[in-house]
Amino acid sequence: MLDHGTSPLSLQVDDFLNSLINYEKENIPEMVTKAVQPYLDNPEFDPDFIRSKSTAAAGLCAWVINIIRYDAISILLSYATCIFGSGRLCELKFCKV
């Protein structure tokens, strides 16, 4: 039941923000990273540039950039751990051995 100060729109915003906070960044499907790549390649997809239009959009832009960076670094660290931790190359979801 909604209290008098809570609108359905604010609940949707809260749900959206929670979905960003709880995004499963450890398992980003490759199709997602490929789908956002054209945006990442666009020089105007930059939080500082976008901030002049909308601070909310700039925050979302920064979130996307950082989640994809996290994924790339996570993959590299997993690969390095696999190679150097075990002394051999193992098969991971991103390795084509």
Protein backbone atom coordinates (compact mmCIF):
# COMPACT_ATOMS: atom_id res chain seq x y z
CA MET A 1 0.00 0.00 0.00
CA LEU A 2 1.36 3.41 -0.98
CA ASP A 3 1.56 6.15 1.57
CA HIS A 4 0.37 9.58 0.51
CA GLY A 5 3.90 10.84 -0.18
CA THR A 6 5.00 8.02 -2.48
CA SER A 7 4.16 8.11 -6.15
CA PRO A 8 4.29 5.12 -8.48
CA LEU A 9 6.95 6.95 -10.51
CA SER A 10 9.24 7.33 -7.50
CA LEU A 11 8.86 3.61 -6.81
CA GLN A 12 9.92 2.88 -10.40
CA VAL A 13 12.94 5.16 -10.00
CA ASP A 14 13.85 3.40 -6.77
CA ASP A 15 13.52 0.00 -8.47
CA PHE A 16 15.70 1.20 -11.36
CA LEU A 17 18.39 2.52 -9.02
CA ASN A 18 18.33 -0.73 -7.03
CA SER A 19 18.74 -2.70 -10.26
CA LEU A 20 21.87 -0.66 -11.05
CA ILE A 21 23.27 -1.08 -7.55
CA ASN A 22 22.61 -4.83 -7.56
CA TYR A 23 23.61 -5.45 -11.18
CA GLU A 24 25.40 -8.79 -11.51
CA LYS A 25 28.65 -7.32 -12.79
CA GLU A 26 30.50 -10.61 -12.36
CA ASN A 27 28.51 -12.26 -15.15
CA ILE A 28 27.98 -9.75 -17.93
CA PRO A 29 26.98 -11.64 -21.07
CA GLU A 30 29.24 -11.08 -24.06
CA MET A 31 26.23 -9.96 -26.11
CA VAL A 32 25.73 -7.08 -23.64
CA THR A 33 29.32 -5.88 -23.94
CA LYS A 34 29.05 -6.10 -27.73
CA ALA A 35 25.74 -4.22 -27.71
CA VAL A 36 27.14 -1.27 -25.73
CA GLN A 37 30.43 -1.07 -27.66
CA PRO A 38 29.10 1.35 -30.31
CA TYR A 39 28.15 3.74 -27.50
CA LEU A 40 31.56 3.37 -25.85
CA ASP A 41 33.23 4.10 -29.20
CA ASN A 42 31.24 7.33 -29.58
CA PRO A 43 33.32 10.29 -28.32
CA GLU A 44 30.12 12.01 -27.20
CA PHE A 45 29.36 9.11 -24.83
CA ASP A 46 31.30 10.92 -22.14
CA PRO A 47 29.92 11.87 -18.73
CA ASP A 48 31.45 15.35 -18.86
CA PHE A 49 29.92 16.04 -22.27
CA ILE A 50 26.56 14.59 -21.29
CA ARG A 51 26.48 16.42 -17.94
CA SER A 52 25.75 19.69 -19.75
CA LYS A 53 22.49 18.10 -20.94
CA SER A 54 21.52 16.00 -17.90
CA THR A 55 23.28 15.07 -14.69
CA ALA A 56 21.19 11.89 -14.43
CA ALA A 57 22.20 10.81 -17.94
CA ALA A 58 25.84 11.62 -17.14
CA GLY A 59 25.63 9.39 -14.07
CA LEU A 60 24.17 6.54 -16.12
CA CYS A 61 26.83 7.03 -18.79
CA ALA A 62 29.57 6.82 -16.14
CA TRP A 63 27.93 3.70 -14.69
CA VAL A 64 27.93 1.95 -18.08
CA ILE A 65 31.56 2.89 -18.77
CA ASN A 66 32.69 1.71 -15.34
CA ILE A 67 30.73 -1.56 -15.40
CA ILE A 68 32.27 -2.45 -18.77
CA ARG A 69 35.74 -1.49 -17.49
CA TYR A 70 35.17 -3.62 -14.41
CA ASP A 71 34.23 -6.54 -16.65
CA ALA A 72 37.33 -6.12 -18.83
CA ILE A 73 39.65 -5.87 -15.83
CA SER A 74 37.97 -8.83 -14.16
CA ILE A 75 38.50 -10.94 -17.27
CA LEU A 76 42.17 -9.92 -17.49
CA LEU A 77 42.77 -10.66 -13.82
CA SER A 78 41.06 -14.04 -14.11
CA TYR A 79 43.17 -14.84 -17.13
CA ALA A 80 46.39 -13.77 -15.38
CA THR A 81 45.48 -15.72 -12.26
CA CYS A 82 44.78 -18.74 -14.39
CA ILE A 83 48.10 -18.53 -16.20
CA PHE A 84 50.36 -17.47 -13.34
CA GLY A 85 48.50 -19.07 -10.47
CA SER A 86 48.51 -22.58 -11.86
CA GLY A 87 51.50 -22.39 -14.16
CA ARG A 88 49.37 -23.44 -17.10
CA LEU A 89 46.76 -21.98 -19.39
CA CYS A 90 43.27 -23.07 -18.45
CA GLU A 91 39.99 -22.68 -20.27
CA LEU A 92 37.74 -19.93 -19.04
CA LYS A 93 34.63 -18.43 -20.63
CA PHE A 94 36.76 -15.81 -22.39
CA CYS A 95 39.73 -17.99 -23.39
CA LYS A 96 39.76 -19.56 -26.80
CA VAL A 97 42.39 -22.25 -26.25
